[in-house]
């Protein structure tokens, strides 16, 4: 299954994304490469493969969720970067 430029543009508009022509071309390539990869799974013989075990049935390796004391309100407000009482600047955690 392949998507053309118009279909990807329509999907982007549904997601309220505005794409340049270069971004649209990249998105078309990326999506079609992904769809090609998914299509390759159809070639696999999976009749003897056991069903996936869901996360609830496996012991969780994450730390225990413990209620902790929240920092002092004044300490939190002192961390504001722009001097307002409603906005905090947080570090970027994802790259473009």
C-alpha atoms as a PDB file:
ATOM      1  CA  UNK A   1       0.000   0.000   0.000  1.00  0.00           C
ATOM      2  CA  UNK A   2       1.391   3.373  -1.000  1.00  0.00           C
ATOM      3  CA  UNK A   3       0.132   6.855  -0.174  1.00  0.00           C
ATOM      4  CA  UNK A   4       0.472   9.729  -2.605  1.00  0.00           C
ATOM      5  CA  UNK A   5       1.188  13.398  -1.861  1.00  0.00           C
ATOM      6  CA  UNK A   6      -2.487  14.350  -1.715  1.00  0.00           C
ATOM      7  CA  UNK A   7      -3.313  11.619   0.798  1.00  0.00           C
ATOM      8  CA  UNK A   8      -0.380  12.556   3.050  1.00  0.00           C
ATOM      9  CA  UNK A   9      -1.309  16.238   2.756  1.00  0.00           C
ATOM     10  CA  UNK A  10      -4.896  15.398   3.800  1.00  0.00           C
ATOM     11  CA  UNK A  11      -3.626  13.401   6.783  1.00  0.00           C
ATOM     12  CA  UNK A  12      -1.365  16.295   7.792  1.00  0.00           C
ATOM     13  CA  UNK A  13      -4.270  18.724   7.582  1.00  0.00           C
ATOM     14  CA  UNK A  14      -6.371  16.440   9.799  1.00  0.00           C
ATOM     15  CA  UNK A  15      -3.540  16.614  12.327  1.00  0.00           C
ATOM     16  CA  UNK A  16      -3.413  20.400  11.848  1.00  0.00           C
ATOM     17  CA  UNK A  17       0.112  20.216  10.453  1.00  0.00           C
ATOM     18  CA  UNK A  18       1.379  22.640   7.886  1.00  0.00           C
ATOM     19  CA  UNK A  19       4.075  21.057   5.709  1.00  0.00           C
ATOM     20  CA  UNK A  20       6.363  22.670   3.176  1.00  0.00           C
ATOM     21  CA  UNK A  21       6.799  20.866  -0.137  1.00  0.00           C
ATOM     22  CA  UNK A  22      10.135  19.459   1.068  1.00  0.00           C
ATOM     23  CA  UNK A  23       8.589  18.273   4.341  1.00  0.00           C
ATOM     24  CA  UNK A  24       5.688  16.733   2.436  1.00  0.00           C
ATOM     25  CA  UNK A  25       8.071  14.817   0.164  1.00  0.00           C
ATOM     26  CA  UNK A  26       9.985  13.557   3.198  1.00  0.00           C
ATOM     27  CA  UNK A  27       6.764  12.535   4.928  1.00  0.00           C
ATOM     28  CA  UNK A  28       5.558  10.646   1.843  1.00  0.00           C
ATOM     29  CA  UNK A  29       8.864   8.755   1.655  1.00  0.00           C
ATOM     30  CA  UNK A  30       8.903   8.039   5.403  1.00  0.00           C
ATOM     31  CA  UNK A  31       5.296   6.818   5.528  1.00  0.00           C
ATOM     32  CA  UNK A  32       5.650   4.671   2.401  1.00  0.00           C
ATOM     33  CA  UNK A  33       8.874   3.102   3.716  1.00  0.00           C
ATOM     34  CA  UNK A  34       7.060   2.272   6.936  1.00  0.00           C
ATOM     35  CA  UNK A  35       4.084   0.795   5.076  1.00  0.00           C
ATOM     36  CA  UNK A  36       6.457  -1.313   2.941  1.00  0.00           C
ATOM     37  CA  UNK A  37       8.028  -2.680   6.111  1.00  0.00           C
ATOM     38  CA  UNK A  38       4.621  -3.531   7.565  1.00  0.00           C
ATOM     39  CA  UNK A  39       3.642  -5.282   4.319  1.00  0.00           C
ATOM     40  CA  UNK A  40       6.661  -7.585   4.709  1.00  0.00           C
ATOM     41  CA  UNK A  41       5.058  -9.031   7.851  1.00  0.00           C
ATOM     42  CA  UNK A  42       2.356 -10.518   5.621  1.00  0.00           C
ATOM     43  CA  UNK A  43       5.022 -12.823   4.160  1.00  0.00           C
ATOM     44  CA  UNK A  44       5.766 -14.445   7.529  1.00  0.00           C
ATOM     45  CA  UNK A  45       4.307 -17.796   8.573  1.00  0.00           C
ATOM     46  CA  UNK A  46       3.083 -17.031  12.097  1.00  0.00           C
ATOM     47  CA  UNK A  47       0.686 -19.918  12.667  1.00  0.00           C
ATOM     48  CA  UNK A  48       2.949 -21.579  15.287  1.00  0.00           C
ATOM     49  CA  UNK A  49       3.929 -18.345  17.048  1.00  0.00           C
ATOM     50  CA  UNK A  50       2.499 -17.954  20.552  1.00  0.00           C
ATOM     51  CA  UNK A  51       0.384 -14.847  21.205  1.00  0.00           C
ATOM     52  CA  UNK A  52       2.047 -11.801  22.706  1.00  0.00           C
ATOM     53  CA  UNK A  53       2.193 -11.641  26.515  1.00  0.00           C
ATOM     54  CA  UNK A  54       0.696  -8.372  27.705  1.00  0.00           C
ATOM     55  CA  UNK A  55       2.539  -6.098  30.106  1.00  0.00           C
ATOM     56  CA  UNK A  56       0.102  -6.810  32.940  1.00  0.00           C
ATOM     57  CA  UNK A  57       1.228 -10.444  33.028  1.00  0.00           C
ATOM     58  CA  UNK A  58       4.940  -9.603  33.253  1.00  0.00           C
ATOM     59  CA  UNK A  59       6.686  -8.292  36.364  1.00  0.00           C
ATOM     60  CA  UNK A  60       7.300  -4.577  35.899  1.00  0.00           C
ATOM     61  CA  UNK A  61      11.013  -3.660  36.081  1.00  0.00           C
ATOM     62  CA  UNK A  62      10.262  -0.026  36.935  1.00  0.00           C
ATOM     63  CA  UNK A  63      10.674   1.499  40.348  1.00  0.00           C
ATOM     64  CA  UNK A  64       7.788   1.503  42.777  1.00  0.00           C
ATOM     65  CA  UNK A  65       5.570   4.568  42.563  1.00  0.00           C
ATOM     66  CA  UNK A  66       5.996   6.272  45.926  1.00  0.00           C
ATOM     67  CA  UNK A  67       4.320   9.446  47.128  1.00  0.00           C
ATOM     68  CA  UNK A  68       7.037  11.964  47.970  1.00  0.00           C
ATOM     69  CA  UNK A  69       7.040  15.397  49.552  1.00  0.00           C
ATOM     70  CA  UNK A  70       6.614  18.128  46.960  1.00  0.00           C
ATOM     71  CA  UNK A  71       9.140  20.988  47.050  1.00  0.00           C
ATOM     72  CA  UNK A  72       8.266  24.230  48.762  1.00  0.00           C
ATOM     73  CA  UNK A  73       5.980  26.546  46.749  1.00  0.00           C
ATOM     74  CA  UNK A  74       8.471  29.411  46.995  1.00  0.00           C
ATOM     75  CA  UNK A  75      11.265  27.194  45.667  1.00  0.00           C
ATOM     76  CA  UNK A  76       9.119  26.229  42.688  1.00  0.00           C
ATOM     77  CA  UNK A  77       8.121  29.817  41.953  1.00  0.00           C
ATOM     78  CA  UNK A  78      11.768  30.894  42.181  1.00  0.00           C
ATOM     79  CA  UNK A  79      12.538  28.518  39.289  1.00  0.00           C
ATOM     80  CA  UNK A  80      10.435  30.577  36.867  1.00  0.00           C
ATOM     81  CA  UNK A  81      12.464  31.868  33.979  1.00  0.00           C
ATOM     82  CA  UNK A  82      10.318  34.699  32.701  1.00  0.00           C
ATOM     83  CA  UNK A  83       9.163  36.456  35.874  1.00  0.00           C
ATOM     84  CA  UNK A  84       5.465  35.667  35.419  1.00  0.00           C
ATOM     85  CA  UNK A  85       3.399  33.656  37.841  1.00  0.00           C
ATOM     86  CA  UNK A  86       1.933  31.366  35.196  1.00  0.00           C
ATOM     87  CA  UNK A  87       4.768  30.223  32.907  1.00  0.00           C
ATOM     88  CA  UNK A  88       7.803  28.002  33.446  1.00  0.00           C
ATOM     89  CA  UNK A  89      10.499  27.363  30.868  1.00  0.00           C
ATOM     90  CA  UNK A  90      11.314  23.663  30.712  1.00  0.00           C
ATOM     91  CA  UNK A  91      14.258  22.094  28.901  1.00  0.00           C
ATOM     92  CA  UNK A  92      13.622  20.561  25.501  1.00  0.00           C
ATOM     93  CA  UNK A  93      13.712  16.754  25.715  1.00  0.00           C
ATOM     94  CA  UNK A  94      13.229  15.863  22.050  1.00  0.00           C
ATOM     95  CA  UNK A  95      15.199  16.869  18.991  1.00  0.00           C
ATOM     96  CA  UNK A  96      13.578  17.828  15.729  1.00  0.00           C
END
